[in-house]
Amino acid sequence: IAAGIKLVEPLSTKNVKLLPDLFHM
C-alpha cells in the first residue's frame, strides 16, 4: 500500500484510488 500511495499521490488526476487486497497484504 505504501508503494501504491507513492505511485498515486503525485498524479495530476485525483481520480485513481487503491485496492487493499487482504491476501496480497
mmCIF file of all heavy atoms, coordinates in Angstrom:
data_MODEL
# 
_entry.id   MODEL 
# 
loop_
_atom_site.group_PDB 
_atom_site.id 
_atom_site.type_symbol 
_atom_site.label_atom_id 
_atom_site.label_alt_id 
_atom_site.label_comp_id 
_atom_site.label_asym_id 
_atom_site.label_entity_id 
_atom_site.label_seq_id 
_atom_site.pdbx_PDB_ins_code 
_atom_site.Cartn_x 
_atom_site.Cartn_y 
_atom_site.Cartn_z 
_atom_site.occupancy 
_atom_site.B_iso_or_equiv 
_atom_site.pdbx_formal_charge 
_atom_site.auth_seq_id 
_atom_site.auth_comp_id 
_atom_site.auth_asym_id 
_atom_site.auth_atom_id 
_atom_site.pdbx_PDB_model_num 
ATOM 1   N N   . ILE A 1 1  ? 0.843   -1.203  0.000   1.00 0.00 ? 1  ILE A N   1 
ATOM 2   C CA  . ILE A 1 1  ? 0.000   0.000   0.000   1.00 0.00 ? 1  ILE A CA  1 
ATOM 3   C C   . ILE A 1 1  ? 0.877   1.251   0.000   1.00 0.00 ? 1  ILE A C   1 
ATOM 4   O O   . ILE A 1 1  ? 0.572   2.234   -0.689  1.00 0.00 ? 1  ILE A O   1 
ATOM 5   C CB  . ILE A 1 1  ? -0.952  -0.011  1.210   1.00 0.00 ? 1  ILE A CB  1 
ATOM 6   C CG1 . ILE A 1 1  ? -1.932  -1.199  1.116   1.00 0.00 ? 1  ILE A CG1 1 
ATOM 7   C CG2 . ILE A 1 1  ? -1.725  1.304   1.293   1.00 0.00 ? 1  ILE A CG2 1 
ATOM 8   C CD1 . ILE A 1 1  ? -2.828  -1.190  -0.096  1.00 0.00 ? 1  ILE A CD1 1 
ATOM 9   N N   . ALA A 1 2  ? 1.976   1.229   0.732   1.00 0.00 ? 2  ALA A N   1 
ATOM 10  C CA  . ALA A 1 2  ? 2.877   2.395   0.753   1.00 0.00 ? 2  ALA A CA  1 
ATOM 11  C C   . ALA A 1 2  ? 3.417   2.687   -0.645  1.00 0.00 ? 2  ALA A C   1 
ATOM 12  O O   . ALA A 1 2  ? 3.490   3.850   -1.057  1.00 0.00 ? 2  ALA A O   1 
ATOM 13  C CB  . ALA A 1 2  ? 4.030   2.155   1.722   1.00 0.00 ? 2  ALA A CB  1 
ATOM 14  N N   . ALA A 1 3  ? 3.780   1.642   -1.380  1.00 0.00 ? 3  ALA A N   1 
ATOM 15  C CA  . ALA A 1 3  ? 4.249   1.846   -2.758  1.00 0.00 ? 3  ALA A CA  1 
ATOM 16  C C   . ALA A 1 3  ? 3.122   2.369   -3.639  1.00 0.00 ? 3  ALA A C   1 
ATOM 17  O O   . ALA A 1 3  ? 3.345   3.195   -4.532  1.00 0.00 ? 3  ALA A O   1 
ATOM 18  C CB  . ALA A 1 3  ? 4.802   0.533   -3.318  1.00 0.00 ? 3  ALA A CB  1 
ATOM 19  N N   . GLY A 1 4  ? 1.895   1.898   -3.385  1.00 0.00 ? 4  GLY A N   1 
ATOM 20  C CA  . GLY A 1 4  ? 0.744   2.401   -4.121  1.00 0.00 ? 4  GLY A CA  1 
ATOM 21  C C   . GLY A 1 4  ? 0.502   3.874   -3.858  1.00 0.00 ? 4  GLY A C   1 
ATOM 22  O O   . GLY A 1 4  ? 0.210   4.652   -4.781  1.00 0.00 ? 4  GLY A O   1 
ATOM 23  N N   . ILE A 1 5  ? 0.635   4.286   -2.595  1.00 0.00 ? 5  ILE A N   1 
ATOM 24  C CA  . ILE A 1 5  ? 0.485   5.697   -2.247  1.00 0.00 ? 5  ILE A CA  1 
ATOM 25  C C   . ILE A 1 5  ? 1.539   6.538   -2.965  1.00 0.00 ? 5  ILE A C   1 
ATOM 26  O O   . ILE A 1 5  ? 1.241   7.601   -3.528  1.00 0.00 ? 5  ILE A O   1 
ATOM 27  C CB  . ILE A 1 5  ? 0.585   5.888   -0.722  1.00 0.00 ? 5  ILE A CB  1 
ATOM 28  C CG1 . ILE A 1 5  ? -0.587  5.201   -0.017  1.00 0.00 ? 5  ILE A CG1 1 
ATOM 29  C CG2 . ILE A 1 5  ? 0.637   7.372   -0.361  1.00 0.00 ? 5  ILE A CG2 1 
ATOM 30  C CD1 . ILE A 1 5  ? -0.436  5.110   1.492   1.00 0.00 ? 5  ILE A CD1 1 
ATOM 31  N N   . LYS A 1 6  ? 2.776   6.049   -2.967  1.00 0.00 ? 6  LYS A N   1 
ATOM 32  C CA  . LYS A 1 6  ? 3.874   6.760   -3.635  1.00 0.00 ? 6  LYS A CA  1 
ATOM 33  C C   . LYS A 1 6  ? 3.627   6.906   -5.129  1.00 0.00 ? 6  LYS A C   1 
ATOM 34  O O   . LYS A 1 6  ? 4.004   7.913   -5.736  1.00 0.00 ? 6  LYS A O   1 
ATOM 35  C CB  . LYS A 1 6  ? 5.178   6.011   -3.379  1.00 0.00 ? 6  LYS A CB  1 
ATOM 36  C CG  . LYS A 1 6  ? 6.414   6.724   -3.891  1.00 0.00 ? 6  LYS A CG  1 
ATOM 37  C CD  . LYS A 1 6  ? 7.680   5.955   -3.534  1.00 0.00 ? 6  LYS A CD  1 
ATOM 38  C CE  . LYS A 1 6  ? 8.925   6.663   -4.064  1.00 0.00 ? 6  LYS A CE  1 
ATOM 39  N NZ  . LYS A 1 6  ? 10.166  5.893   -3.725  1.00 0.00 ? 6  LYS A NZ  1 
ATOM 40  N N   . LEU A 1 7  ? 2.950   5.928   -5.715  1.00 0.00 ? 7  LEU A N   1 
ATOM 41  C CA  . LEU A 1 7  ? 2.621   5.982   -7.141  1.00 0.00 ? 7  LEU A CA  1 
ATOM 42  C C   . LEU A 1 7  ? 1.467   6.937   -7.416  1.00 0.00 ? 7  LEU A C   1 
ATOM 43  O O   . LEU A 1 7  ? 1.512   7.732   -8.365  1.00 0.00 ? 7  LEU A O   1 
ATOM 44  C CB  . LEU A 1 7  ? 2.239   4.580   -7.627  1.00 0.00 ? 7  LEU A CB  1 
ATOM 45  C CG  . LEU A 1 7  ? 1.747   4.456   -9.073  1.00 0.00 ? 7  LEU A CG  1 
ATOM 46  C CD1 . LEU A 1 7  ? 2.890   4.658   -10.058 1.00 0.00 ? 7  LEU A CD1 1 
ATOM 47  C CD2 . LEU A 1 7  ? 1.071   3.102   -9.297  1.00 0.00 ? 7  LEU A CD2 1 
ATOM 48  N N   . VAL A 1 8  ? 0.430   6.884   -6.600  1.00 0.00 ? 8  VAL A N   1 
ATOM 49  C CA  . VAL A 1 8  ? -0.829  7.562   -6.891  1.00 0.00 ? 8  VAL A CA  1 
ATOM 50  C C   . VAL A 1 8  ? -0.828  9.025   -6.452  1.00 0.00 ? 8  VAL A C   1 
ATOM 51  O O   . VAL A 1 8  ? -1.354  9.893   -7.158  1.00 0.00 ? 8  VAL A O   1 
ATOM 52  C CB  . VAL A 1 8  ? -1.990  6.784   -6.239  1.00 0.00 ? 8  VAL A CB  1 
ATOM 53  C CG1 . VAL A 1 8  ? -3.278  7.594   -6.234  1.00 0.00 ? 8  VAL A CG1 1 
ATOM 54  C CG2 . VAL A 1 8  ? -2.198  5.456   -6.960  1.00 0.00 ? 8  VAL A CG2 1 
ATOM 55  N N   . GLU A 1 9  ? -0.247  9.318   -5.297  1.00 0.00 ? 9  GLU A N   1 
ATOM 56  C CA  . GLU A 1 9  ? -0.339  10.681  -4.755  1.00 0.00 ? 9  GLU A CA  1 
ATOM 57  C C   . GLU A 1 9  ? 0.213   11.763  -5.684  1.00 0.00 ? 9  GLU A C   1 
ATOM 58  O O   . GLU A 1 9  ? -0.368  12.841  -5.779  1.00 0.00 ? 9  GLU A O   1 
ATOM 59  C CB  . GLU A 1 9  ? 0.333   10.758  -3.381  1.00 0.00 ? 9  GLU A CB  1 
ATOM 60  C CG  . GLU A 1 9  ? -0.580  10.313  -2.250  1.00 0.00 ? 9  GLU A CG  1 
ATOM 61  C CD  . GLU A 1 9  ? -0.053  10.712  -0.885  1.00 0.00 ? 9  GLU A CD  1 
ATOM 62  O OE1 . GLU A 1 9  ? 1.193   10.822  -0.750  1.00 0.00 ? 9  GLU A OE1 1 
ATOM 63  O OE2 . GLU A 1 9  ? -0.868  10.912  0.034   1.00 0.00 ? 9  GLU A OE2 1 
ATOM 64  N N   . PRO A 1 10 ? 1.332   11.540  -6.407  1.00 0.00 ? 10 PRO A N   1 
ATOM 65  C CA  . PRO A 1 10 ? 1.863   12.621  -7.260  1.00 0.00 ? 10 PRO A CA  1 
ATOM 66  C C   . PRO A 1 10 ? 1.095   12.833  -8.560  1.00 0.00 ? 10 PRO A C   1 
ATOM 67  O O   . PRO A 1 10 ? 1.370   13.807  -9.278  1.00 0.00 ? 10 PRO A O   1 
ATOM 68  C CB  . PRO A 1 10 ? 3.291   12.133  -7.580  1.00 0.00 ? 10 PRO A CB  1 
ATOM 69  C CG  . PRO A 1 10 ? 3.590   11.045  -6.614  1.00 0.00 ? 10 PRO A CG  1 
ATOM 70  C CD  . PRO A 1 10 ? 2.275   10.413  -6.303  1.00 0.00 ? 10 PRO A CD  1 
ATOM 71  N N   . LEU A 1 11 ? 0.145   11.948  -8.884  1.00 0.00 ? 11 LEU A N   1 
ATOM 72  C CA  . LEU A 1 11 ? -0.562  12.076  -10.152 1.00 0.00 ? 11 LEU A CA  1 
ATOM 73  C C   . LEU A 1 11 ? -1.356  13.379  -10.208 1.00 0.00 ? 11 LEU A C   1 
ATOM 74  O O   . LEU A 1 11 ? -1.922  13.823  -9.203  1.00 0.00 ? 11 LEU A O   1 
ATOM 75  C CB  . LEU A 1 11 ? -1.515  10.893  -10.348 1.00 0.00 ? 11 LEU A CB  1 
ATOM 76  C CG  . LEU A 1 11 ? -0.883  9.501   -10.454 1.00 0.00 ? 11 LEU A CG  1 
ATOM 77  C CD1 . LEU A 1 11 ? -1.981  8.433   -10.524 1.00 0.00 ? 11 LEU A CD1 1 
ATOM 78  C CD2 . LEU A 1 11 ? 0.035   9.393   -11.671 1.00 0.00 ? 11 LEU A CD2 1 
ATOM 79  N N   . SER A 1 12 ? -1.429  13.950  -11.387 1.00 0.00 ? 12 SER A N   1 
ATOM 80  C CA  . SER A 1 12 ? -2.256  15.147  -11.560 1.00 0.00 ? 12 SER A CA  1 
ATOM 81  C C   . SER A 1 12 ? -3.728  14.809  -11.385 1.00 0.00 ? 12 SER A C   1 
ATOM 82  O O   . SER A 1 12 ? -4.494  15.577  -10.790 1.00 0.00 ? 12 SER A O   1 
ATOM 83  C CB  . SER A 1 12 ? -2.013  15.750  -12.949 1.00 0.00 ? 12 SER A CB  1 
ATOM 84  O OG  . SER A 1 12 ? -0.681  16.173  -13.085 1.00 0.00 ? 12 SER A OG  1 
ATOM 85  N N   . THR A 1 13 ? -4.133  13.677  -11.928 1.00 0.00 ? 13 THR A N   1 
ATOM 86  C CA  . THR A 1 13 ? -5.506  13.235  -11.699 1.00 0.00 ? 13 THR A CA  1 
ATOM 87  C C   . THR A 1 13 ? -5.645  12.795  -10.252 1.00 0.00 ? 13 THR A C   1 
ATOM 88  O O   . THR A 1 13 ? -4.744  12.160  -9.692  1.00 0.00 ? 13 THR A O   1 
ATOM 89  C CB  . THR A 1 13 ? -5.904  12.086  -12.640 1.00 0.00 ? 13 THR A CB  1 
ATOM 90  O OG1 . THR A 1 13 ? -7.266  11.713  -12.341 1.00 0.00 ? 13 THR A OG1 1 
ATOM 91  C CG2 . THR A 1 13 ? -5.017  10.868  -12.468 1.00 0.00 ? 13 THR A CG2 1 
ATOM 92  N N   . LYS A 1 14 ? -6.744  13.135  -9.658  1.00 0.00 ? 14 LYS A N   1 
ATOM 93  C CA  . LYS A 1 14 ? -7.033  12.686  -8.293  1.00 0.00 ? 14 LYS A CA  1 
ATOM 94  C C   . LYS A 1 14 ? -8.160  11.650  -8.326  1.00 0.00 ? 14 LYS A C   1 
ATOM 95  O O   . LYS A 1 14 ? -8.876  11.462  -7.343  1.00 0.00 ? 14 LYS A O   1 
ATOM 96  C CB  . LYS A 1 14 ? -7.404  13.873  -7.401  1.00 0.00 ? 14 LYS A CB  1 
ATOM 97  C CG  . LYS A 1 14 ? -6.294  14.916  -7.299  1.00 0.00 ? 14 LYS A CG  1 
ATOM 98  C CD  . LYS A 1 14 ? -4.960  14.296  -6.873  1.00 0.00 ? 14 LYS A CD  1 
ATOM 99  C CE  . LYS A 1 14 ? -3.802  15.283  -6.932  1.00 0.00 ? 14 LYS A CE  1 
ATOM 100 N NZ  . LYS A 1 14 ? -2.487  14.630  -6.670  1.00 0.00 ? 14 LYS A NZ  1 
ATOM 101 N N   . ASN A 1 15 ? -8.247  10.968  -9.458  1.00 0.00 ? 15 ASN A N   1 
ATOM 102 C CA  . ASN A 1 15 ? -9.332  10.015  -9.645  1.00 0.00 ? 15 ASN A CA  1 
ATOM 103 C C   . ASN A 1 15 ? -8.829  8.567   -9.705  1.00 0.00 ? 15 ASN A C   1 
ATOM 104 O O   . ASN A 1 15 ? -9.484  7.712   -10.276 1.00 0.00 ? 15 ASN A O   1 
ATOM 105 C CB  . ASN A 1 15 ? -10.119 10.348  -10.926 1.00 0.00 ? 15 ASN A CB  1 
ATOM 106 C CG  . ASN A 1 15 ? -11.488 9.704   -10.933 1.00 0.00 ? 15 ASN A CG  1 
ATOM 107 O OD1 . ASN A 1 15 ? -12.189 9.712   -9.913  1.00 0.00 ? 15 ASN A OD1 1 
ATOM 108 N ND2 . ASN A 1 15 ? -11.886 9.132   -12.057 1.00 0.00 ? 15 ASN A ND2 1 
ATOM 109 N N   . VAL A 1 16 ? -7.663  8.319   -9.128  1.00 0.00 ? 16 VAL A N   1 
ATOM 110 C CA  . VAL A 1 16 ? -7.149  6.958   -9.009  1.00 0.00 ? 16 VAL A CA  1 
ATOM 111 C C   . VAL A 1 16 ? -7.094  6.594   -7.531  1.00 0.00 ? 16 VAL A C   1 
ATOM 112 O O   . VAL A 1 16 ? -6.520  7.326   -6.719  1.00 0.00 ? 16 VAL A O   1 
ATOM 113 C CB  . VAL A 1 16 ? -5.753  6.808   -9.633  1.00 0.00 ? 16 VAL A CB  1 
ATOM 114 C CG1 . VAL A 1 16 ? -5.236  5.377   -9.473  1.00 0.00 ? 16 VAL A CG1 1 
ATOM 115 C CG2 . VAL A 1 16 ? -5.785  7.190   -11.106 1.00 0.00 ? 16 VAL A CG2 1 
ATOM 116 N N   . LYS A 1 17 ? -7.721  5.482   -7.175  1.00 0.00 ? 17 LYS A N   1 
ATOM 117 C CA  . LYS A 1 17 ? -7.765  5.015   -5.795  1.00 0.00 ? 17 LYS A CA  1 
ATOM 118 C C   . LYS A 1 17 ? -7.098  3.639   -5.686  1.00 0.00 ? 17 LYS A C   1 
ATOM 119 O O   . LYS A 1 17 ? -6.905  2.948   -6.681  1.00 0.00 ? 17 LYS A O   1 
ATOM 120 C CB  . LYS A 1 17 ? -9.215  4.927   -5.297  1.00 0.00 ? 17 LYS A CB  1 
ATOM 121 C CG  . LYS A 1 17 ? -10.001 6.228   -5.391  1.00 0.00 ? 17 LYS A CG  1 
ATOM 122 C CD  . LYS A 1 17 ? -9.428  7.325   -4.504  1.00 0.00 ? 17 LYS A CD  1 
ATOM 123 C CE  . LYS A 1 17 ? -10.252 8.598   -4.565  1.00 0.00 ? 17 LYS A CE  1 
ATOM 124 N NZ  . LYS A 1 17 ? -9.669  9.684   -3.752  1.00 0.00 ? 17 LYS A NZ  1 
ATOM 125 N N   . LEU A 1 18 ? -6.792  3.242   -4.470  1.00 0.00 ? 18 LEU A N   1 
ATOM 126 C CA  . LEU A 1 18 ? -6.095  1.989   -4.217  1.00 0.00 ? 18 LEU A CA  1 
ATOM 127 C C   . LEU A 1 18 ? -7.049  0.896   -3.748  1.00 0.00 ? 18 LEU A C   1 
ATOM 128 O O   . LEU A 1 18 ? -8.104  1.168   -3.162  1.00 0.00 ? 18 LEU A O   1 
ATOM 129 C CB  . LEU A 1 18 ? -5.013  2.193   -3.162  1.00 0.00 ? 18 LEU A CB  1 
ATOM 130 C CG  . LEU A 1 18 ? -3.875  3.131   -3.544  1.00 0.00 ? 18 LEU A CG  1 
ATOM 131 C CD1 . LEU A 1 18 ? -2.951  3.347   -2.357  1.00 0.00 ? 18 LEU A CD1 1 
ATOM 132 C CD2 . LEU A 1 18 ? -3.086  2.595   -4.737  1.00 0.00 ? 18 LEU A CD2 1 
ATOM 133 N N   . LEU A 1 19 ? -6.633  -0.334  -4.005  1.00 0.00 ? 19 LEU A N   1 
ATOM 134 C CA  . LEU A 1 19 ? -7.397  -1.510  -3.595  1.00 0.00 ? 19 LEU A CA  1 
ATOM 135 C C   . LEU A 1 19 ? -6.549  -2.341  -2.628  1.00 0.00 ? 19 LEU A C   1 
ATOM 136 O O   . LEU A 1 19 ? -5.638  -3.050  -3.054  1.00 0.00 ? 19 LEU A O   1 
ATOM 137 C CB  . LEU A 1 19 ? -7.780  -2.360  -4.818  1.00 0.00 ? 19 LEU A CB  1 
ATOM 138 C CG  . LEU A 1 19 ? -8.814  -3.475  -4.638  1.00 0.00 ? 19 LEU A CG  1 
ATOM 139 C CD1 . LEU A 1 19 ? -9.265  -3.996  -6.003  1.00 0.00 ? 19 LEU A CD1 1 
ATOM 140 C CD2 . LEU A 1 19 ? -8.315  -4.644  -3.809  1.00 0.00 ? 19 LEU A CD2 1 
ATOM 141 N N   . PRO A 1 20 ? -6.804  -2.254  -1.333  1.00 0.00 ? 20 PRO A N   1 
ATOM 142 C CA  . PRO A 1 20 ? -6.171  -3.186  -0.408  1.00 0.00 ? 20 PRO A CA  1 
ATOM 143 C C   . PRO A 1 20 ? -6.803  -4.581  -0.557  1.00 0.00 ? 20 PRO A C   1 
ATOM 144 O O   . PRO A 1 20 ? -7.988  -4.761  -0.306  1.00 0.00 ? 20 PRO A O   1 
ATOM 145 C CB  . PRO A 1 20 ? -6.481  -2.598  0.972   1.00 0.00 ? 20 PRO A CB  1 
ATOM 146 C CG  . PRO A 1 20 ? -6.900  -1.183  0.724   1.00 0.00 ? 20 PRO A CG  1 
ATOM 147 C CD  . PRO A 1 20 ? -7.563  -1.206  -0.622  1.00 0.00 ? 20 PRO A CD  1 
ATOM 148 N N   . ASP A 1 21 ? -6.000  -5.524  -1.017  1.00 0.00 ? 21 ASP A N   1 
ATOM 149 C CA  . ASP A 1 21 ? -6.424  -6.918  -1.120  1.00 0.00 ? 21 ASP A CA  1 
ATOM 150 C C   . ASP A 1 21 ? -5.795  -7.651  0.061   1.00 0.00 ? 21 ASP A C   1 
ATOM 151 O O   . ASP A 1 21 ? -4.570  -7.721  0.184   1.00 0.00 ? 21 ASP A O   1 
ATOM 152 C CB  . ASP A 1 21 ? -5.954  -7.504  -2.457  1.00 0.00 ? 21 ASP A CB  1 
ATOM 153 C CG  . ASP A 1 21 ? -6.324  -8.965  -2.629  1.00 0.00 ? 21 ASP A CG  1 
ATOM 154 O OD1 . ASP A 1 21 ? -5.916  -9.791  -1.780  1.00 0.00 ? 21 ASP A OD1 1 
ATOM 155 O OD2 . ASP A 1 21 ? -7.000  -9.294  -3.624  1.00 0.00 ? 21 ASP A OD2 1 
ATOM 156 N N   . LEU A 1 22 ? -6.620  -8.220  0.921   1.00 0.00 ? 22 LEU A N   1 
ATOM 157 C CA  . LEU A 1 22 ? -6.112  -8.744  2.185   1.00 0.00 ? 22 LEU A CA  1 
ATOM 158 C C   . LEU A 1 22 ? -5.217  -9.959  1.999   1.00 0.00 ? 22 LEU A C   1 
ATOM 159 O O   . LEU A 1 22 ? -4.355  -10.226 2.846   1.00 0.00 ? 22 LEU A O   1 
ATOM 160 C CB  . LEU A 1 22 ? -7.280  -9.062  3.125   1.00 0.00 ? 22 LEU A CB  1 
ATOM 161 C CG  . LEU A 1 22 ? -8.171  -7.859  3.460   1.00 0.00 ? 22 LEU A CG  1 
ATOM 162 C CD1 . LEU A 1 22 ? -9.264  -8.253  4.446   1.00 0.00 ? 22 LEU A CD1 1 
ATOM 163 C CD2 . LEU A 1 22 ? -7.352  -6.694  4.014   1.00 0.00 ? 22 LEU A CD2 1 
ATOM 164 N N   . PHE A 1 23 ? -5.371  -10.698 0.902   1.00 0.00 ? 23 PHE A N   1 
ATOM 165 C CA  . PHE A 1 23 ? -4.463  -11.805 0.615   1.00 0.00 ? 23 PHE A CA  1 
ATOM 166 C C   . PHE A 1 23 ? -3.070  -11.270 0.277   1.00 0.00 ? 23 PHE A C   1 
ATOM 167 O O   . PHE A 1 23 ? -2.057  -11.711 0.846   1.00 0.00 ? 23 PHE A O   1 
ATOM 168 C CB  . PHE A 1 23 ? -4.987  -12.649 -0.540  1.00 0.00 ? 23 PHE A CB  1 
ATOM 169 C CG  . PHE A 1 23 ? -3.963  -13.613 -1.091  1.00 0.00 ? 23 PHE A CG  1 
ATOM 170 C CD1 . PHE A 1 23 ? -3.632  -14.766 -0.400  1.00 0.00 ? 23 PHE A CD1 1 
ATOM 171 C CD2 . PHE A 1 23 ? -3.324  -13.348 -2.298  1.00 0.00 ? 23 PHE A CD2 1 
ATOM 172 C CE1 . PHE A 1 23 ? -2.675  -15.646 -0.892  1.00 0.00 ? 23 PHE A CE1 1 
ATOM 173 C CE2 . PHE A 1 23 ? -2.372  -14.228 -2.806  1.00 0.00 ? 23 PHE A CE2 1 
ATOM 174 C CZ  . PHE A 1 23 ? -2.046  -15.376 -2.097  1.00 0.00 ? 23 PHE A CZ  1 
ATOM 175 N N   . HIS A 1 24 ? -2.984  -10.336 -0.647  1.00 0.00 ? 24 HIS A N   1 
ATOM 176 C CA  . HIS A 1 24 ? -1.690  -9.757  -1.002  1.00 0.00 ? 24 HIS A CA  1 
ATOM 177 C C   . HIS A 1 24 ? -1.064  -9.046  0.200   1.00 0.00 ? 24 HIS A C   1 
ATOM 178 O O   . HIS A 1 24 ? 0.156   -9.124  0.417   1.00 0.00 ? 24 HIS A O   1 
ATOM 179 C CB  . HIS A 1 24 ? -1.851  -8.776  -2.165  1.00 0.00 ? 24 HIS A CB  1 
ATOM 180 C CG  . HIS A 1 24 ? -2.306  -9.413  -3.428  1.00 0.00 ? 24 HIS A CG  1 
ATOM 181 N ND1 . HIS A 1 24 ? -1.600  -10.398 -4.065  1.00 0.00 ? 24 HIS A ND1 1 
ATOM 182 C CD2 . HIS A 1 24 ? -3.417  -9.206  -4.199  1.00 0.00 ? 24 HIS A CD2 1 
ATOM 183 C CE1 . HIS A 1 24 ? -2.237  -10.774 -5.171  1.00 0.00 ? 24 HIS A CE1 1 
ATOM 184 N NE2 . HIS A 1 24 ? -3.345  -10.067 -5.261  1.00 0.00 ? 24 HIS A NE2 1 
ATOM 185 N N   . MET A 1 25 ? -1.874  -8.350  0.974   1.00 0.00 ? 25 MET A N   1 
ATOM 186 C CA  . MET A 1 25 ? -1.366  -7.631  2.141   1.00 0.00 ? 25 MET A CA  1 
ATOM 187 C C   . MET A 1 25 ? -0.801  -8.591  3.176   1.00 0.00 ? 25 MET A C   1 
ATOM 188 O O   . MET A 1 25 ? 0.196   -8.287  3.840   1.00 0.00 ? 25 MET A O   1 
ATOM 189 C CB  . MET A 1 25 ? -2.473  -6.770  2.748   1.00 0.00 ? 25 MET A CB  1 
ATOM 190 C CG  . MET A 1 25 ? -2.940  -5.652  1.835   1.00 0.00 ? 25 MET A CG  1 
ATOM 191 S SD  . MET A 1 25 ? -4.231  -4.656  2.592   1.00 0.00 ? 25 MET A SD  1 
ATOM 192 C CE  . MET A 1 25 ? -3.251  -3.605  3.664   1.00 0.00 ? 25 MET A CE  1 
# 
